[in-house]
Structures are given as C-alpha cells and as structure tokens.
Amino acid sequence: MKDDINPTDLGRILSAVNRRPSPWYTVKESAEYLRCSERQIRRYIDENHLKVNRLPTGSIRVHIMDLDSFIEYGLKSN
C-alpha cells in the first residue's frame, strides 16, 4: 500500500493546517460559546446586550471580544 499524498489534496491539507480561526462567530457558534440557546443569543441581540455586525446577506456575526465582554460585564463592549 502506498502512503503518497495526492498533490491536489496537499494544498487543501496545508490550508486547513495554516488556517487561523475567525474571531467572528455565527449565532450558533455564539450560543455554543456562551452555552445557551440560539434563541437566547437572538434575545440578547434584540435587547441590545450584544453588539453584532450584519452582513449584506442578512447573516449576523458576533465578535469574540463582544462575547467576552458580555460574559464579564453583561454589557456591550466599546
């Protein structure tokens, strides 16, 4: 059995290894991070407790620093 790596797979493997995690979380990832439901995250957003960025597609992204600030202070970060 041969253990050679297919050259077409090598680029994909290397990019996966070198990829840095994004500091921008989806609603689902934010809920996992705070260990609550997605519905609760949406409530925090609607009540202006969490600062979010809305993409042109309508998707919501929450920055990790805003999640950490919410954990520490329960308020939006600056």
PDB file of N, CA and C in Angstrom:
ATOM      1  N   MET A   1       0.849  -1.196   0.000  1.00  0.00           N
ATOM      2  CA  MET A   1       0.000   0.000   0.000  1.00  0.00           C
ATOM      3  C   MET A   1       0.880   1.241   0.000  1.00  0.00           C
ATOM      4  N   LYS A   2       0.528   2.164  -0.802  1.00  0.00           N
ATOM      5  CA  LYS A   2       1.302   3.385  -0.960  1.00  0.00           C
ATOM      6  C   LYS A   2       0.724   4.488  -0.092  1.00  0.00           C
ATOM      7  N   ASP A   3       1.571   5.255   0.619  1.00  0.00           N
ATOM      8  CA  ASP A   3       1.121   6.326   1.505  1.00  0.00           C
ATOM      9  C   ASP A   3       1.378   7.711   0.924  1.00  0.00           C
ATOM     10  N   ASP A   4       1.494   7.807  -0.384  1.00  0.00           N
ATOM     11  CA  ASP A   4       1.741   9.102  -1.017  1.00  0.00           C
ATOM     12  C   ASP A   4       0.497   9.985  -0.917  1.00  0.00           C
ATOM     13  N   ILE A   5       0.744  11.285  -0.771  1.00  0.00           N
ATOM     14  CA  ILE A   5      -0.350  12.258  -0.731  1.00  0.00           C
ATOM     15  C   ILE A   5      -0.591  12.756  -2.140  1.00  0.00           C
ATOM     16  N   ASN A   6      -1.833  12.759  -2.516  1.00  0.00           N
ATOM     17  CA  ASN A   6      -2.219  13.274  -3.820  1.00  0.00           C
ATOM     18  C   ASN A   6      -1.902  14.774  -3.855  1.00  0.00           C
ATOM     19  N   PRO A   7      -1.170  15.239  -4.889  1.00  0.00           N
ATOM     20  CA  PRO A   7      -0.809  16.664  -4.957  1.00  0.00           C
ATOM     21  C   PRO A   7      -2.013  17.606  -4.920  1.00  0.00           C
ATOM     22  N   THR A   8      -3.147  17.177  -5.433  1.00  0.00           N
ATOM     23  CA  THR A   8      -4.321  18.056  -5.398  1.00  0.00           C
ATOM     24  C   THR A   8      -4.857  18.199  -3.980  1.00  0.00           C
ATOM     25  N   ASP A   9      -4.632  17.197  -3.147  1.00  0.00           N
ATOM     26  CA  ASP A   9      -5.078  17.262  -1.748  1.00  0.00           C
ATOM     27  C   ASP A   9      -4.100  18.031  -0.868  1.00  0.00           C
ATOM     28  N   LEU A  10      -2.851  18.130  -1.306  1.00  0.00           N
ATOM     29  CA  LEU A  10      -1.823  18.767  -0.478  1.00  0.00           C
ATOM     30  C   LEU A  10      -2.163  20.219  -0.168  1.00  0.00           C
ATOM     31  N   GLY A  11      -2.611  20.982  -1.155  1.00  0.00           N
ATOM     32  CA  GLY A  11      -2.972  22.385  -0.924  1.00  0.00           C
ATOM     33  C   GLY A  11      -4.101  22.516   0.071  1.00  0.00           C
ATOM     34  N   ARG A  12      -5.103  21.664  -0.056  1.00  0.00           N
ATOM     35  CA  ARG A  12      -6.247  21.691   0.858  1.00  0.00           C
ATOM     36  C   ARG A  12      -5.815  21.338   2.275  1.00  0.00           C
ATOM     37  N   ILE A  13      -4.933  20.357   2.407  1.00  0.00           N
ATOM     38  CA  ILE A  13      -4.447  19.943   3.723  1.00  0.00           C
ATOM     39  C   ILE A  13      -3.637  21.057   4.363  1.00  0.00           C
ATOM     40  N   LEU A  14      -2.741  21.662   3.599  1.00  0.00           N
ATOM     41  CA  LEU A  14      -1.896  22.731   4.139  1.00  0.00           C
ATOM     42  C   LEU A  14      -2.715  23.959   4.515  1.00  0.00           C
ATOM     43  N   SER A  15      -3.729  24.298   3.724  1.00  0.00           N
ATOM     44  CA  SER A  15      -4.531  25.471   4.069  1.00  0.00           C
ATOM     45  C   SER A  15      -5.345  25.212   5.333  1.00  0.00           C
ATOM     46  N   ALA A  16      -5.789  23.984   5.529  1.00  0.00           N
ATOM     47  CA  ALA A  16      -6.531  23.643   6.749  1.00  0.00           C
ATOM     48  C   ALA A  16      -5.630  23.724   7.970  1.00  0.00           C
ATOM     49  N   VAL A  17      -4.389  23.330   7.824  1.00  0.00           N
ATOM     50  CA  VAL A  17      -3.440  23.360   8.942  1.00  0.00           C
ATOM     51  C   VAL A  17      -3.063  24.797   9.283  1.00  0.00           C
ATOM     52  N   ASN A  18      -2.895  25.630   8.261  1.00  0.00           N
ATOM     53  CA  ASN A  18      -2.430  27.009   8.476  1.00  0.00           C
ATOM     54  C   ASN A  18      -3.561  27.992   8.749  1.00  0.00           C
ATOM     55  N   ARG A  19      -4.795  27.552   8.649  1.00  0.00           N
ATOM     56  CA  ARG A  19      -5.935  28.454   8.817  1.00  0.00           C
ATOM     57  C   ARG A  19      -6.059  28.906  10.271  1.00  0.00           C
ATOM     58  N   ARG A  20      -6.210  30.187  10.465  1.00  0.00           N
ATOM     59  CA  ARG A  20      -6.440  30.736  11.793  1.00  0.00           C
ATOM     60  C   ARG A  20      -7.941  30.824  12.014  1.00  0.00           C
ATOM     61  N   PRO A  21      -8.393  30.486  13.213  1.00  0.00           N
ATOM     62  CA  PRO A  21      -9.834  30.575  13.451  1.00  0.00           C
ATOM     63  C   PRO A  21     -10.303  32.031  13.389  1.00  0.00           C
ATOM     64  N   SER A  22     -11.492  32.210  12.870  1.00  0.00           N
ATOM     65  CA  SER A  22     -12.049  33.550  12.738  1.00  0.00           C
ATOM     66  C   SER A  22     -12.522  34.060  14.096  1.00  0.00           C
ATOM     67  N   PRO A  23     -12.292  35.356  14.382  1.00  0.00           N
ATOM     68  CA  PRO A  23     -12.811  35.929  15.622  1.00  0.00           C
ATOM     69  C   PRO A  23     -14.300  36.262  15.522  1.00  0.00           C
ATOM     70  N   TRP A  24     -14.894  36.069  14.353  1.00  0.00           N
ATOM     71  CA  TRP A  24     -16.305  36.369  14.124  1.00  0.00           C
ATOM     72  C   TRP A  24     -17.112  35.088  14.222  1.00  0.00           C
ATOM     73  N   TYR A  25     -18.083  35.075  15.127  1.00  0.00           N
ATOM     74  CA  TYR A  25     -18.899  33.895  15.374  1.00  0.00           C
ATOM     75  C   TYR A  25     -20.301  34.072  14.804  1.00  0.00           C
ATOM     76  N   THR A  26     -20.873  32.975  14.343  1.00  0.00           N
ATOM     77  CA  THR A  26     -22.274  32.970  13.935  1.00  0.00           C
ATOM     78  C   THR A  26     -23.130  32.929  15.206  1.00  0.00           C
ATOM     79  N   VAL A  27     -24.442  33.034  15.039  1.00  0.00           N
ATOM     80  CA  VAL A  27     -25.344  32.942  16.190  1.00  0.00           C
ATOM     81  C   VAL A  27     -25.192  31.570  16.844  1.00  0.00           C
ATOM     82  N   LYS A  28     -25.108  30.542  16.031  1.00  0.00           N
ATOM     83  CA  LYS A  28     -24.961  29.181  16.558  1.00  0.00           C
ATOM     84  C   LYS A  28     -23.651  29.025  17.337  1.00  0.00           C
ATOM     85  N   GLU A  29     -22.549  29.510  16.774  1.00  0.00           N
ATOM     86  CA  GLU A  29     -21.255  29.426  17.454  1.00  0.00           C
ATOM     87  C   GLU A  29     -21.252  30.262  18.733  1.00  0.00           C
ATOM     88  N   SER A  30     -21.915  31.415  18.698  1.00  0.00           N
ATOM     89  CA  SER A  30     -22.023  32.264  19.888  1.00  0.00           C
ATOM     90  C   SER A  30     -22.784  31.542  20.995  1.00  0.00           C
ATOM     91  N   ALA A  31     -23.844  30.857  20.621  1.00  0.00           N
ATOM     92  CA  ALA A  31     -24.631  30.096  21.599  1.00  0.00           C
ATOM     93  C   ALA A  31     -23.799  28.979  22.210  1.00  0.00           C
ATOM     94  N   GLU A  32     -23.017  28.306  21.389  1.00  0.00           N
ATOM     95  CA  GLU A  32     -22.141  27.250  21.905  1.00  0.00           C
ATOM     96  C   GLU A  32     -21.090  27.837  22.844  1.00  0.00           C
ATOM     97  N   TYR A  33     -20.542  28.991  22.473  1.00  0.00           N
ATOM     98  CA  TYR A  33     -19.522  29.646  23.283  1.00  0.00           C
ATOM     99  C   TYR A  33     -20.069  30.055  24.648  1.00  0.00           C
ATOM    100  N   LEU A  34     -21.294  30.610  24.662  1.00  0.00           N
ATOM    101  CA  LEU A  34     -21.912  31.055  25.919  1.00  0.00           C
ATOM    102  C   LEU A  34     -22.702  29.943  26.607  1.00  0.00           C
ATOM    103  N   ARG A  35     -22.774  28.789  25.949  1.00  0.00           N
ATOM    104  CA  ARG A  35     -23.523  27.640  26.476  1.00  0.00           C
ATOM    105  C   ARG A  35     -24.971  27.995  26.772  1.00  0.00           C
ATOM    106  N   CYS A  36     -25.611  28.555  25.760  1.00  0.00           N
ATOM    107  CA  CYS A  36     -27.038  28.868  25.845  1.00  0.00           C
ATOM    108  C   CYS A  36     -27.659  28.557  24.488  1.00  0.00           C
ATOM    109  N   SER A  37     -28.915  28.844  24.324  1.00  0.00           N
ATOM    110  CA  SER A  37     -29.593  28.548  23.068  1.00  0.00           C
ATOM    111  C   SER A  37     -29.392  29.675  22.052  1.00  0.00           C
ATOM    112  N   GLU A  38     -29.596  29.340  20.803  1.00  0.00           N
ATOM    113  CA  GLU A  38     -29.546  30.354  19.745  1.00  0.00           C
ATOM    114  C   GLU A  38     -30.640  31.390  19.972  1.00  0.00           C
ATOM    115  N   ARG A  39     -31.770  30.935  20.460  1.00  0.00           N
ATOM    116  CA  ARG A  39     -32.882  31.850  20.737  1.00  0.00           C
ATOM    117  C   ARG A  39     -32.491  32.889  21.788  1.00  0.00           C
ATOM    118  N   GLN A  40     -31.759  32.451  22.804  1.00  0.00           N
ATOM    119  CA  GLN A  40     -31.299  33.384  23.839  1.00  0.00           C
ATOM    120  C   GLN A  40     -30.316  34.395  23.271  1.00  0.00           C
ATOM    121  N   ILE A  41     -29.435  33.955  22.394  1.00  0.00           N
ATOM    122  CA  ILE A  41     -28.492  34.878  21.739  1.00  0.00           C
ATOM    123  C   ILE A  41     -29.279  35.932  20.957  1.00  0.00           C
ATOM    124  N   ARG A  42     -30.303  35.501  20.241  1.00  0.00           N
ATOM    125  CA  ARG A  42     -31.114  36.455  19.475  1.00  0.00           C
ATOM    126  C   ARG A  42     -31.836  37.436  20.398  1.00  0.00           C
ATOM    127  N   ARG A  43     -32.240  36.976  21.571  1.00  0.00           N
ATOM    128  CA  ARG A  43     -32.855  37.893  22.551  1.00  0.00           C
ATOM    129  C   ARG A  43     -31.835  38.930  23.013  1.00  0.00           C
ATOM    130  N   TYR A  44     -30.625  38.474  23.341  1.00  0.00           N
ATOM    131  CA  TYR A  44     -29.565  39.407  23.757  1.00  0.00           C
ATOM    132  C   TYR A  44     -29.313  40.441  22.668  1.00  0.00           C
ATOM    133  N   ILE A  45     -29.342  40.008  21.415  1.00  0.00           N
ATOM    134  CA  ILE A  45     -29.125  40.924  20.295  1.00  0.00           C
ATOM    135  C   ILE A  45     -30.288  41.915  20.196  1.00  0.00           C
ATOM    136  N   ASP A  46     -31.516  41.407  20.246  1.00  0.00           N
ATOM    137  CA  ASP A  46     -32.706  42.269  20.133  1.00  0.00           C
ATOM    138  C   ASP A  46     -32.783  43.284  21.267  1.00  0.00           C
ATOM    139  N   GLU A  47     -32.298  42.912  22.460  1.00  0.00           N
ATOM    140  CA  GLU A  47     -32.328  43.805  23.621  1.00  0.00           C
ATOM    141  C   GLU A  47     -31.061  44.662  23.719  1.00  0.00           C
ATOM    142  N   ASN A  48     -30.252  44.644  22.660  1.00  0.00           N
ATOM    143  CA  ASN A  48     -29.011  45.431  22.574  1.00  0.00           C
ATOM    144  C   ASN A  48     -28.007  45.095  23.666  1.00  0.00           C
ATOM    145  N   HIS A  49     -27.983  43.859  24.115  1.00  0.00           N
ATOM    146  CA  HIS A  49     -26.962  43.436  25.074  1.00  0.00           C
ATOM    147  C   HIS A  49     -25.708  42.946  24.373  1.00  0.00           C
ATOM    148  N   LEU A  50     -25.861  42.516  23.131  1.00  0.00           N
ATOM    149  CA  LEU A  50     -24.727  42.046  22.339  1.00  0.00           C
ATOM    150  C   LEU A  50     -24.578  42.910  21.100  1.00  0.00           C
ATOM    151  N   LYS A  51     -23.377  43.385  20.868  1.00  0.00           N
ATOM    152  CA  LYS A  51     -23.068  44.152  19.668  1.00  0.00           C
ATOM    153  C   LYS A  51     -22.842  43.153  18.530  1.00  0.00           C
ATOM    154  N   VAL A  52     -23.475  43.382  17.400  1.00  0.00           N
ATOM    155  CA  VAL A  52     -23.347  42.473  16.260  1.00  0.00           C
ATOM    156  C   VAL A  52     -23.066  43.239  14.984  1.00  0.00           C
ATOM    157  N   ASN A  53     -22.584  42.517  14.006  1.00  0.00           N
ATOM    158  CA  ASN A  53     -22.430  43.048  12.651  1.00  0.00           C
ATOM    159  C   ASN A  53     -23.330  42.231  11.749  1.00  0.00           C
ATOM    160  N   ARG A  54     -24.103  42.914  10.943  1.00  0.00           N
ATOM    161  CA  ARG A  54     -24.984  42.233   9.990  1.00  0.00           C
ATOM    162  C   ARG A  54     -24.353  42.314   8.603  1.00  0.00           C
ATOM    163  N   LEU A  55     -24.248  41.168   7.973  1.00  0.00           N
ATOM    164  CA  LEU A  55     -23.698  41.095   6.630  1.00  0.00           C
ATOM    165  C   LEU A  55     -24.769  41.482   5.624  1.00  0.00           C
ATOM    166  N   PRO A  56     -24.373  41.870   4.403  1.00  0.00           N
ATOM    167  CA  PRO A  56     -25.360  42.232   3.382  1.00  0.00           C
ATOM    168  C   PRO A  56     -26.358  41.102   3.092  1.00  0.00           C
ATOM    169  N   THR A  57     -25.964  39.872   3.370  1.00  0.00           N
ATOM    170  CA  THR A  57     -26.856  38.732   3.145  1.00  0.00           C
ATOM    171  C   THR A  57     -27.892  38.584   4.246  1.00  0.00           C
ATOM    172  N   GLY A  58     -27.754  39.374   5.326  1.00  0.00           N
ATOM    173  CA  GLY A  58     -28.666  39.284   6.457  1.00  0.00           C
ATOM    174  C   GLY A  58     -28.127  38.431   7.587  1.00  0.00           C
ATOM    175  N   SER A  59     -27.007  37.763   7.341  1.00  0.00           N
ATOM    176  CA  SER A  59     -26.384  36.949   8.387  1.00  0.00           C
ATOM    177  C   SER A  59     -25.834  37.833   9.495  1.00  0.00           C
ATOM    178  N   ILE A  60     -25.775  37.277  10.683  1.00  0.00           N
ATOM    179  CA  ILE A  60     -25.286  38.004  11.858  1.00  0.00           C
ATOM    180  C   ILE A  60     -23.950  37.422  12.277  1.00  0.00           C
ATOM    181  N   ARG A  61     -23.015  38.297  12.638  1.00  0.00           N
ATOM    182  CA  ARG A  61     -21.731  37.860  13.178  1.00  0.00           C
ATOM    183  C   ARG A  61     -21.472  38.621  14.477  1.00  0.00           C
ATOM    184  N   VAL A  62     -20.949  37.899  15.457  1.00  0.00           N
ATOM    185  CA  VAL A  62     -20.630  38.479  16.758  1.00  0.00           C
ATOM    186  C   VAL A  62     -19.133  38.296  16.974  1.00  0.00           C
ATOM    187  N   HIS A  63     -18.454  39.361  17.348  1.00  0.00           N
ATOM    188  CA  HIS A  63     -17.007  39.278  17.573  1.00  0.00           C
ATOM    189  C   HIS A  63     -16.735  38.636  18.934  1.00  0.00           C
ATOM    190  N   ILE A  64     -15.679  37.855  18.995  1.00  0.00           N
ATOM    191  CA  ILE A  64     -15.310  37.148  20.228  1.00  0.00           C
ATOM    192  C   ILE A  64     -15.096  38.117  21.391  1.00  0.00           C
ATOM    193  N   MET A  65     -14.567  39.308  21.116  1.00  0.00           N
ATOM    194  CA  MET A  65     -14.337  40.288  22.187  1.00  0.00           C
ATOM    195  C   MET A  65     -15.660  40.766  22.780  1.00  0.00           C
ATOM    196  N   ASP A  66     -16.686  40.874  21.937  1.00  0.00           N
ATOM    197  CA  ASP A  66     -18.005  41.280  22.428  1.00  0.00           C
ATOM    198  C   ASP A  66     -18.640  40.180  23.274  1.00  0.00           C
ATOM    199  N   LEU A  67     -18.404  38.941  22.911  1.00  0.00           N
ATOM    200  CA  LEU A  67     -18.898  37.827  23.727  1.00  0.00           C
ATOM    201  C   LEU A  67     -18.190  37.797  25.076  1.00  0.00           C
ATOM    202  N   ASP A  68     -16.868  37.990  25.057  1.00  0.00           N
ATOM    203  CA  ASP A  68     -16.108  38.006  26.310  1.00  0.00           C
ATOM    204  C   ASP A  68     -16.534  39.165  27.203  1.00  0.00           C
ATOM    205  N   SER A  69     -16.761  40.329  26.598  1.00  0.00           N
ATOM    206  CA  SER A  69     -17.216  41.495  27.357  1.00  0.00           C
ATOM    207  C   SER A  69     -18.587  41.229  27.968  1.00  0.00           C
ATOM    208  N   PHE A  70     -19.453  40.580  27.211  1.00  0.00           N
ATOM    209  CA  PHE A  70     -20.776  40.250  27.715  1.00  0.00           C
ATOM    210  C   PHE A  70     -20.679  39.308  28.912  1.00  0.00           C
ATOM    211  N   ILE A  71     -19.777  38.349  28.842  1.00  0.00           N
ATOM    212  CA  ILE A  71     -19.572  37.417  29.961  1.00  0.00           C
ATOM    213  C   ILE A  71     -19.091  38.165  31.202  1.00  0.00           C
ATOM    214  N   GLU A  72     -18.127  39.057  31.003  1.00  0.00           N
ATOM    215  CA  GLU A  72     -17.543  39.785  32.139  1.00  0.00           C
ATOM    216  C   GLU A  72     -18.463  40.836  32.713  1.00  0.00           C
ATOM    217  N   TYR A  73     -19.073  41.634  31.840  1.00  0.00           N
ATOM    218  CA  TYR A  73     -19.804  42.809  32.312  1.00  0.00           C
ATOM    219  C   TYR A  73     -21.297  42.791  32.034  1.00  0.00           C
ATOM    220  N   GLY A  74     -21.740  41.928  31.135  1.00  0.00           N
ATOM    221  CA  GLY A  74     -23.139  41.908  30.771  1.00  0.00           C
ATOM    222  C   GLY A  74     -23.551  43.101  29.925  1.00  0.00           C
ATOM    223  N   LEU A  75     -22.567  43.794  29.355  1.00  0.00           N
ATOM    224  CA  LEU A  75     -22.833  44.982  28.541  1.00  0.00           C
ATOM    225  C   LEU A  75     -22.111  44.878  27.220  1.00  0.00           C
ATOM    226  N   LYS A  76     -22.474  45.765  26.286  1.00  0.00           N
ATOM    227  CA  LYS A  76     -21.753  45.845  25.026  1.00  0.00           C
ATOM    228  C   LYS A  76     -20.353  46.372  25.281  1.00  0.00           C
ATOM    229  N   SER A  77     -19.385  45.867  24.496  1.00  0.00           N
ATOM    230  CA  SER A  77     -18.041  46.435  24.574  1.00  0.00           C
ATOM    231  C   SER A  77     -17.982  47.672  23.696  1.00  0.00           C
ATOM    232  N   ASN A  78     -16.983  48.521  23.906  1.00  0.00           N
ATOM    233  CA  ASN A  78     -16.855  49.753  23.119  1.00  0.00           C
ATOM    234  C   ASN A  78     -16.238  49.482  21.781  1.00  0.00           C
TER     235      ASN A  78
END
